[in-house]
């Protein structure tokens, strides 16, 4: 009887269904992580762990009954937790899933689905011209999150890339691709505004490329692929001591002394001899990032700049700087670094060197890294006086 009533709510009014309790704990970390400074255990109570909310979009009741959403939640676990530092800090996570049925599978435009996600005409991705941070999809996600057993309660301060984001909750919308019969849809990540308290936001990953999109949401990392349509991404280079809210893995300048990842350049204490890996990859018109390849890279316009097929993503490896930023976010989100206006300064002073000493500076098997056509690429940052960087 109860199941029939819930199903009726889903079919007749998805918003009402989302407001109803229905969250299931998929994975509960034990809350124990290591303090890299001392090796001692940090014990995180449930309210200080990061609660990851997996929401179903475009799964009909038949899809849910067939276990498709459950299998996709397992795929999320396998893909995300294969990446460092998520694997190291997995015990700080609690993963919830909300198996709410849609009246129909996704289609072009806005269908009768649980979250009313707008989809491109080719059904291959989110319609970025239609989705809004304060639109209906955002309202439905927030309606669901308010019923999460650990709803958003702690928030970053205003300003920068983390402005007013929930620290303790990150959402990922898994979208059933009818062509594949499992999660799909080209992904995107964006903060979504709470319609009841517009000063609050939650980071939401949507769709395919699970670890890539989740890293956008969780760590506030940016895409590292070349995209010559839109100009350079990223903040201006940040000097040491700036707020972590301004921390960016893509910046507009390539001067060595101002790169946020300058501590990882060859010849320093963390990377004494790893020549040819960390530099300033990119070009002035599109921005610069730390290493040629990374989970945050991809394709887009890479081919026009680097040749080959343009694919520069490493599916299970964040570059060293992105891995460091993600670790920093774990400590901010769990309140180990409670004051996020000073967390970067504290990280640089107390955590950074022990983190790399404990977990290592990762050097891929092939350095310099190569594109698909076999060409080795390295782009050094600019010393003073500036040295020209040319395409090879």
Protein backbone atom coordinates (compact mmCIF):
# COMPACT_ATOMS: atom_id res chain seq x y z
CA UNK A 1 0.00 0.00 0.00
CA UNK A 2 2.72 2.46 1.00
CA UNK A 3 4.78 1.56 -2.08
CA UNK A 4 1.74 2.21 -4.31
CA UNK A 5 1.16 5.59 -2.68
CA UNK A 6 4.82 6.59 -3.17
CA UNK A 7 4.69 5.51 -6.80
CA UNK A 8 1.54 7.58 -7.34
CA UNK A 9 3.26 10.63 -5.87
CA UNK A 10 6.19 10.13 -8.20
CA UNK A 11 4.06 9.82 -11.31
CA UNK A 12 1.62 12.61 -10.51
CA UNK A 13 3.92 15.10 -8.82
CA UNK A 14 7.67 14.54 -8.87
CA UNK A 15 8.25 17.55 -6.59
CA UNK A 16 6.02 16.02 -3.90
CA UNK A 17 7.88 12.74 -4.21
CA UNK A 18 11.22 14.47 -3.82
CA UNK A 19 9.99 16.13 -0.66
CA UNK A 20 9.16 12.75 0.83
CA UNK A 21 11.75 10.76 2.78
CA UNK A 22 13.41 8.18 0.60
CA UNK A 23 17.14 8.49 1.04
CA UNK A 24 19.10 5.26 1.39
CA UNK A 25 22.63 5.07 2.81
CA UNK A 26 24.77 3.45 0.11
CA UNK A 27 28.17 3.79 1.81
CA UNK A 28 29.07 5.05 5.26
CA UNK A 29 32.70 5.77 5.95
CA UNK A 30 33.83 5.15 9.50
CA UNK A 31 34.99 8.76 9.89
CA UNK A 32 38.67 7.97 10.51
CA UNK A 33 41.24 9.76 8.37
CA UNK A 34 44.95 10.32 8.87
CA UNK A 35 46.46 13.63 9.90
CA UNK A 36 49.39 13.96 7.45
CA UNK A 37 51.29 16.15 9.91
CA UNK A 38 51.52 13.51 12.63
CA UNK A 39 50.16 10.25 11.25
CA UNK A 40 47.57 10.28 14.04
CA UNK A 41 43.94 9.41 13.41
CA UNK A 42 41.38 12.18 13.05
CA UNK A 43 37.95 10.96 14.12
CA UNK A 44 35.10 12.68 12.32
CA UNK A 45 31.60 12.38 13.79
CA UNK A 46 28.81 11.81 11.29
CA UNK A 47 27.87 15.49 11.09
CA UNK A 48 31.42 16.45 10.08
CA UNK A 49 31.75 13.94 7.25
CA UNK A 50 31.00 14.90 3.65
CA UNK A 51 27.57 13.65 2.62
CA UNK A 52 27.39 12.85 -1.10
CA UNK A 53 23.83 12.82 -2.42
CA UNK A 54 23.26 10.70 -5.53
CA UNK A 55 19.95 11.61 -7.17
CA UNK A 56 18.18 9.62 -9.89
CA UNK A 57 17.04 11.45 -13.02
CA UNK A 58 15.22 9.80 -15.92
CA UNK A 59 14.90 6.37 -14.28
CA UNK A 60 11.36 5.04 -14.56
CA UNK A 61 9.95 2.79 -11.88
CA UNK A 62 10.73 -0.16 -14.13
CA UNK A 63 14.35 1.03 -14.36
CA UNK A 64 14.56 1.29 -10.57
CA UNK A 65 12.98 -2.12 -10.11
CA UNK A 66 15.50 -3.57 -12.57
CA UNK A 67 18.33 -2.25 -10.37
CA UNK A 68 19.74 0.20 -12.92
CA UNK A 69 20.10 3.08 -10.46
CA UNK A 70 21.69 0.83 -7.84
CA UNK A 71 24.22 -0.43 -10.38
CA UNK A 72 25.00 3.13 -11.43
CA UNK A 73 25.57 4.09 -7.80
CA UNK A 74 28.08 1.24 -7.63
CA UNK A 75 29.73 2.57 -10.79
CA UNK A 76 29.97 5.96 -9.10
CA UNK A 77 31.75 4.37 -6.15
CA UNK A 78 34.13 2.44 -8.40
CA UNK A 79 35.05 5.38 -10.63
CA UNK A 80 35.36 8.11 -8.02
CA UNK A 81 37.08 6.08 -5.33
CA UNK A 82 39.67 4.81 -7.82
CA UNK A 83 41.10 8.37 -7.86
CA UNK A 84 43.43 9.93 -5.29
CA UNK A 85 42.85 11.50 -2.85
CA UNK A 86 39.26 10.19 -2.77
CA UNK A 87 40.62 6.69 -2.16
CA UNK A 88 42.76 7.85 0.77
CA UNK A 89 39.98 9.89 2.39
CA UNK A 90 37.01 7.69 1.52
CA UNK A 91 36.24 7.12 5.21
CA UNK A 92 35.31 10.81 5.45
CA UNK A 93 32.43 10.23 3.01
CA UNK A 94 28.84 9.15 3.46
CA UNK A 95 27.17 8.33 0.15
CA UNK A 96 23.37 8.51 -0.01
CA UNK A 97 21.11 7.65 -2.92
CA UNK A 98 17.59 8.78 -3.72
CA UNK A 99 15.88 6.28 -6.06
CA UNK A 100 12.95 8.47 -7.12
CA UNK A 101 11.17 7.40 -10.30
CA UNK A 102 10.52 9.63 -13.29
CA UNK A 103 7.28 9.35 -15.25
CA UNK A 104 9.35 9.05 -18.41
CA UNK A 105 12.97 8.77 -19.49
CA UNK A 106 14.86 11.86 -20.56
CA UNK A 107 14.13 13.38 -23.91
CA UNK A 108 15.09 16.56 -25.75
CA UNK A 109 14.00 19.66 -23.90
CA UNK A 110 12.37 19.25 -20.49
CA UNK A 111 10.57 15.97 -19.94
CA UNK A 112 8.32 14.65 -17.20
CA UNK A 113 11.28 13.54 -15.11
CA UNK A 114 11.98 13.76 -11.40
CA UNK A 115 14.31 16.77 -11.63
CA UNK A 116 13.07 18.38 -14.86
CA UNK A 117 16.61 18.49 -16.24
CA UNK A 118 16.77 20.40 -19.56
CA UNK A 119 18.50 18.30 -22.23
CA UNK A 120 20.00 19.24 -25.59
CA UNK A 121 18.16 18.40 -28.81
CA UNK A 122 20.61 15.55 -29.53
CA UNK A 123 20.07 14.19 -25.98
CA UNK A 124 23.83 13.97 -25.49
CA UNK A 125 24.19 16.59 -22.79
CA UNK A 126 22.61 19.16 -20.51
CA UNK A 127 21.16 22.18 -22.29
CA UNK A 128 23.48 24.83 -20.85
CA UNK A 129 21.37 27.65 -22.27
CA UNK A 130 18.29 26.40 -20.45
CA UNK A 131 19.57 25.22 -17.07
CA UNK A 132 19.68 27.87 -14.36
CA UNK A 133 21.30 27.92 -10.94
CA UNK A 134 17.96 29.07 -9.52
CA UNK A 135 15.61 27.24 -11.89
CA UNK A 136 13.20 24.35 -11.44
CA UNK A 137 15.92 21.67 -11.43
CA UNK A 138 17.72 23.53 -8.65
CA UNK A 139 14.49 23.86 -6.65
CA UNK A 140 13.80 20.13 -6.96
CA UNK A 141 17.34 19.22 -5.93
CA UNK A 142 17.10 21.46 -2.87
CA UNK A 143 13.68 20.00 -2.00
CA UNK A 144 15.35 16.58 -1.95
CA UNK A 145 18.38 17.76 0.01
CA UNK A 146 16.25 19.29 2.74
CA UNK A 147 15.01 15.73 3.44
CA UNK A 148 18.51 14.26 3.46
CA UNK A 149 19.17 12.77 6.91
CA UNK A 150 22.16 15.14 7.08
CA UNK A 151 20.89 18.14 5.14
CA UNK A 152 23.24 21.04 4.30
CA UNK A 153 24.15 22.77 7.54
CA UNK A 154 27.69 24.19 7.19
CA UNK A 155 28.65 26.70 4.51
CA UNK A 156 31.74 28.39 3.13
CA UNK A 157 31.89 32.18 3.64
CA UNK A 158 30.96 34.53 0.78
CA UNK A 159 33.42 35.23 -2.04
CA UNK A 160 35.32 33.28 -4.67
CA UNK A 161 34.76 29.83 -6.12
CA UNK A 162 33.41 28.41 -2.84
CA UNK A 163 31.09 31.33 -2.05
CA UNK A 164 28.30 30.24 0.30
CA UNK A 165 28.56 26.60 -0.84
CA UNK A 166 27.52 23.83 1.51
CA UNK A 167 30.64 22.28 3.01
CA UNK A 168 29.02 19.12 4.29
CA UNK A 169 26.92 18.12 1.24
CA UNK A 170 27.81 17.62 -2.44
CA UNK A 171 25.20 16.36 -4.92
CA UNK A 172 25.63 14.25 -8.05
CA UNK A 173 22.71 13.70 -10.42
CA UNK A 174 22.95 10.34 -12.19
CA UNK A 175 21.05 10.51 -15.47
CA UNK A 176 19.83 7.38 -17.24
CA UNK A 177 20.75 7.43 -20.92
CA UNK A 178 18.00 5.48 -22.71
CA UNK A 179 20.42 4.57 -25.50
CA UNK A 180 22.77 2.83 -23.07
CA UNK A 181 20.40 1.59 -20.40
CA UNK A 182 22.65 3.04 -17.71
CA UNK A 183 23.93 6.37 -16.47
CA UNK A 184 25.11 8.67 -19.19
CA UNK A 185 24.66 12.20 -20.57
CA UNK A 186 27.64 14.47 -21.14
CA UNK A 187 28.33 16.03 -17.77
CA UNK A 188 28.37 19.45 -16.20
CA UNK A 189 28.81 20.83 -12.70
CA UNK A 190 27.44 24.04 -11.23
CA UNK A 191 26.42 25.50 -7.87
CA UNK A 192 22.66 25.60 -7.36
CA UNK A 193 20.87 28.18 -5.25
CA UNK A 194 18.49 27.35 -2.42
CA UNK A 195 15.18 28.98 -3.45
CA UNK A 196 14.13 29.34 0.19
CA UNK A 197 17.39 30.94 1.34
CA UNK A 198 19.08 32.42 -1.70
CA UNK A 199 22.31 33.10 0.15
CA UNK A 200 22.99 29.34 0.25
CA UNK A 201 24.24 27.13 -2.58
CA UNK A 202 25.19 23.50 -3.08
CA UNK A 203 27.73 22.15 -5.58
CA UNK A 204 26.02 19.79 -8.02
CA UNK A 205 27.63 17.44 -10.53
CA UNK A 206 25.38 16.16 -13.31
CA UNK A 207 25.75 13.26 -15.68
CA UNK A 208 28.54 11.19 -17.13
CA UNK A 209 32.34 11.33 -16.57
CA UNK A 210 31.63 10.70 -12.92
CA UNK A 211 35.01 11.38 -11.28
CA UNK A 212 35.65 14.38 -13.55
CA UNK A 213 32.34 16.09 -12.83
CA UNK A 214 32.43 15.21 -9.14
CA UNK A 215 35.89 16.84 -8.88
CA UNK A 216 34.42 20.05 -10.27
CA UNK A 217 31.74 19.99 -7.60
CA UNK A 218 33.71 18.69 -4.64
CA UNK A 219 37.03 20.50 -5.11
CA UNK A 220 35.87 23.47 -7.24
CA UNK A 221 38.46 22.57 -9.88
CA UNK A 222 38.16 23.86 -13.44
CA UNK A 223 38.34 22.22 -16.85
CA UNK A 224 41.88 22.14 -18.21
CA UNK A 225 41.13 21.48 -21.87
CA UNK A 226 41.64 24.20 -24.45
CA UNK A 227 38.48 26.02 -25.46
CA UNK A 228 39.18 28.85 -27.89
CA UNK A 229 35.57 30.01 -28.00
CA UNK A 230 35.46 31.59 -24.60
CA UNK A 231 38.71 33.26 -23.61
CA UNK A 232 40.88 32.29 -20.66
CA UNK A 233 39.31 30.69 -17.62
CA UNK A 234 40.46 30.94 -14.05
CA UNK A 235 41.37 33.61 -11.60
CA UNK A 236 44.42 35.77 -11.91
CA UNK A 237 47.48 33.97 -10.52
CA UNK A 238 47.19 33.92 -6.74
CA UNK A 239 50.10 34.61 -4.45
CA UNK A 240 50.81 32.60 -1.31
CA UNK A 241 48.55 33.45 1.59
CA UNK A 242 45.46 34.20 -0.54
CA UNK A 243 42.12 32.68 0.40
CA UNK A 244 41.50 29.15 -0.83
CA UNK A 245 38.26 30.50 -2.33
CA UNK A 246 40.41 32.05 -5.08
CA UNK A 247 42.52 28.95 -5.66
CA UNK A 248 42.46 27.90 -9.32
CA UNK A 249 44.06 25.15 -11.42
CA UNK A 250 43.66 27.29 -14.58
CA UNK A 251 45.12 30.80 -14.57
CA UNK A 252 45.64 33.62 -17.04
CA UNK A 253 49.39 34.05 -16.68
CA UNK A 254 52.39 31.70 -16.88
CA UNK A 255 55.01 33.57 -14.82
CA UNK A 256 56.76 31.03 -12.59
CA UNK A 257 56.72 33.17 -9.47
CA UNK A 258 52.94 33.70 -9.53
CA UNK A 259 51.67 30.23 -10.44
CA UNK A 260 49.51 28.70 -7.68
CA UNK A 261 51.45 25.44 -8.23
CA UNK A 262 54.95 26.98 -8.24
CA UNK A 263 55.91 24.84 -5.23
CA UNK A 264 55.58 21.76 -7.51
CA UNK A 265 57.98 22.98 -10.20
CA UNK A 266 61.13 20.90 -10.66
CA UNK A 267 64.00 21.81 -8.36
CA UNK A 268 61.95 22.48 -5.24
CA UNK A 269 61.67 20.49 -2.03
CA UNK A 270 58.56 18.58 -3.14
CA UNK A 271 59.77 17.90 -6.69
CA UNK A 272 63.58 18.03 -6.59
CA UNK A 273 64.26 16.26 -9.88
CA UNK A 274 61.02 15.68 -11.81
CA UNK A 275 61.89 17.71 -14.91
CA UNK A 276 59.40 17.81 -17.76
CA UNK A 277 56.18 17.23 -15.80
CA UNK A 278 54.93 20.38 -14.03
CA UNK A 279 55.00 23.60 -16.00
CA UNK A 280 52.46 26.01 -17.46
CA UNK A 281 50.56 24.20 -20.20
CA UNK A 282 48.33 26.25 -22.45
CA UNK A 283 48.39 29.56 -24.24
CA UNK A 284 47.60 33.12 -23.32
CA UNK A 285 44.27 33.19 -25.09
CA UNK A 286 42.89 30.17 -23.23
CA UNK A 287 44.79 29.97 -19.92
CA UNK A 288 47.45 27.75 -18.32
CA UNK A 289 47.29 24.58 -16.21
CA UNK A 290 49.92 22.53 -14.30
CA UNK A 291 50.46 19.29 -16.28
CA UNK A 292 49.71 18.21 -19.83
CA UNK A 293 47.32 15.45 -18.73
CA UNK A 294 44.88 15.27 -15.84
CA UNK A 295 41.44 13.96 -14.94
CA UNK A 296 40.28 17.60 -15.32
CA UNK A 297 41.43 17.70 -18.94
CA UNK A 298 39.53 16.26 -21.90
CA UNK A 299 39.31 17.09 -25.59
CA UNK A 300 37.30 20.08 -26.85
CA UNK A 301 39.81 22.29 -28.75
CA UNK A 302 42.97 20.51 -27.54
CA UNK A 303 43.60 19.11 -31.00
CA UNK A 304 44.03 22.58 -32.49
CA UNK A 305 46.77 23.37 -29.96
CA UNK A 306 48.45 20.03 -29.29
CA UNK A 307 47.57 17.85 -32.28
CA UNK A 308 46.64 14.18 -32.18
CA UNK A 309 43.06 13.39 -31.25
CA UNK A 310 43.10 16.06 -28.54
CA UNK A 311 42.25 13.63 -25.73
CA UNK A 312 44.36 14.55 -22.68
CA UNK A 313 42.30 13.13 -19.83
CA UNK A 314 43.72 10.56 -17.43
CA UNK A 315 40.60 8.77 -16.13
CA UNK A 316 42.02 7.74 -12.75
CA UNK A 317 44.70 10.37 -12.12
CA UNK A 318 44.44 13.95 -10.95
CA UNK A 319 47.61 15.91 -11.62
CA UNK A 320 49.65 16.67 -8.52
CA UNK A 321 48.21 20.14 -7.97
CA UNK A 322 44.58 19.10 -8.49
CA UNK A 323 45.16 16.20 -6.09
CA UNK A 324 46.53 18.64 -3.52
CA UNK A 325 43.60 21.04 -3.91
CA UNK A 326 41.16 18.14 -3.52
CA UNK A 327 42.90 17.05 -0.32
CA UNK A 328 42.70 20.63 0.97
CA UNK A 329 38.95 20.60 0.27
CA UNK A 330 38.56 17.40 2.32
CA UNK A 331 40.08 19.15 5.32
CA UNK A 332 37.98 22.28 4.76
CA UNK A 333 34.74 20.40 4.22
CA UNK A 334 35.22 18.25 7.33
CA UNK A 335 36.14 21.22 9.51
CA UNK A 336 39.71 20.11 10.23
CA UNK A 337 40.59 23.43 8.62
CA UNK A 338 37.61 25.26 10.04
CA UNK A 339 38.36 28.85 9.04
CA UNK A 340 38.36 28.71 5.24
CA UNK A 341 39.50 32.32 5.00
CA UNK A 342 42.81 31.16 6.48
CA UNK A 343 42.80 27.51 5.46
CA UNK A 344 45.17 27.95 2.52
CA UNK A 345 47.72 29.73 4.69
CA UNK A 346 47.49 26.98 7.31
CA UNK A 347 47.70 24.29 4.62
CA UNK A 348 50.82 25.86 3.11
CA UNK A 349 52.49 26.24 6.51
CA UNK A 350 51.51 22.99 8.24
CA UNK A 351 50.01 20.44 5.82
CA UNK A 352 51.55 20.75 2.35
CA UNK A 353 55.04 19.36 2.96
CA UNK A 354 53.80 16.50 5.21
CA UNK A 355 51.06 15.65 2.70
CA UNK A 356 53.55 15.11 -0.14
CA UNK A 357 56.06 13.43 2.17
CA UNK A 358 53.38 10.98 3.30
CA UNK A 359 51.57 10.34 0.01
CA UNK A 360 54.25 11.18 -2.52
CA UNK A 361 54.74 13.40 -5.54
CA UNK A 362 53.27 11.37 -8.38
CA UNK A 363 55.38 10.97 -11.51
CA UNK A 364 53.69 9.13 -14.43
CA UNK A 365 55.58 6.37 -16.20
CA UNK A 366 56.22 8.58 -19.21
CA UNK A 367 57.66 12.08 -18.78
CA UNK A 368 57.38 14.35 -20.70
CA UNK A 369 53.84 13.23 -21.36
CA UNK A 370 52.75 12.55 -24.94
CA UNK A 371 49.74 13.23 -27.09
CA UNK A 372 47.99 10.48 -29.05
CA UNK A 373 50.24 11.01 -32.06
CA UNK A 374 53.33 10.31 -29.95
CA UNK A 375 54.65 13.85 -29.57
CA UNK A 376 56.24 14.71 -26.23
CA UNK A 377 55.11 18.03 -24.81
CA UNK A 378 56.53 20.23 -22.10
CA UNK A 379 55.82 23.91 -21.60
CA UNK A 380 57.92 25.65 -18.98
CA UNK A 381 56.63 28.59 -17.02
CA UNK A 382 58.14 31.99 -17.78
CA UNK A 383 61.15 33.03 -15.78
CA UNK A 384 62.22 36.64 -15.51
CA UNK A 385 63.22 37.80 -18.06
CA UNK A 386 60.44 36.02 -19.90
CA UNK A 387 61.36 33.18 -22.24
CA UNK A 388 59.16 32.51 -25.24
CA UNK A 389 57.06 29.35 -25.17
CA UNK A 390 56.32 27.90 -28.58
CA UNK A 391 54.10 25.12 -29.81
CA UNK A 392 55.89 21.97 -30.84
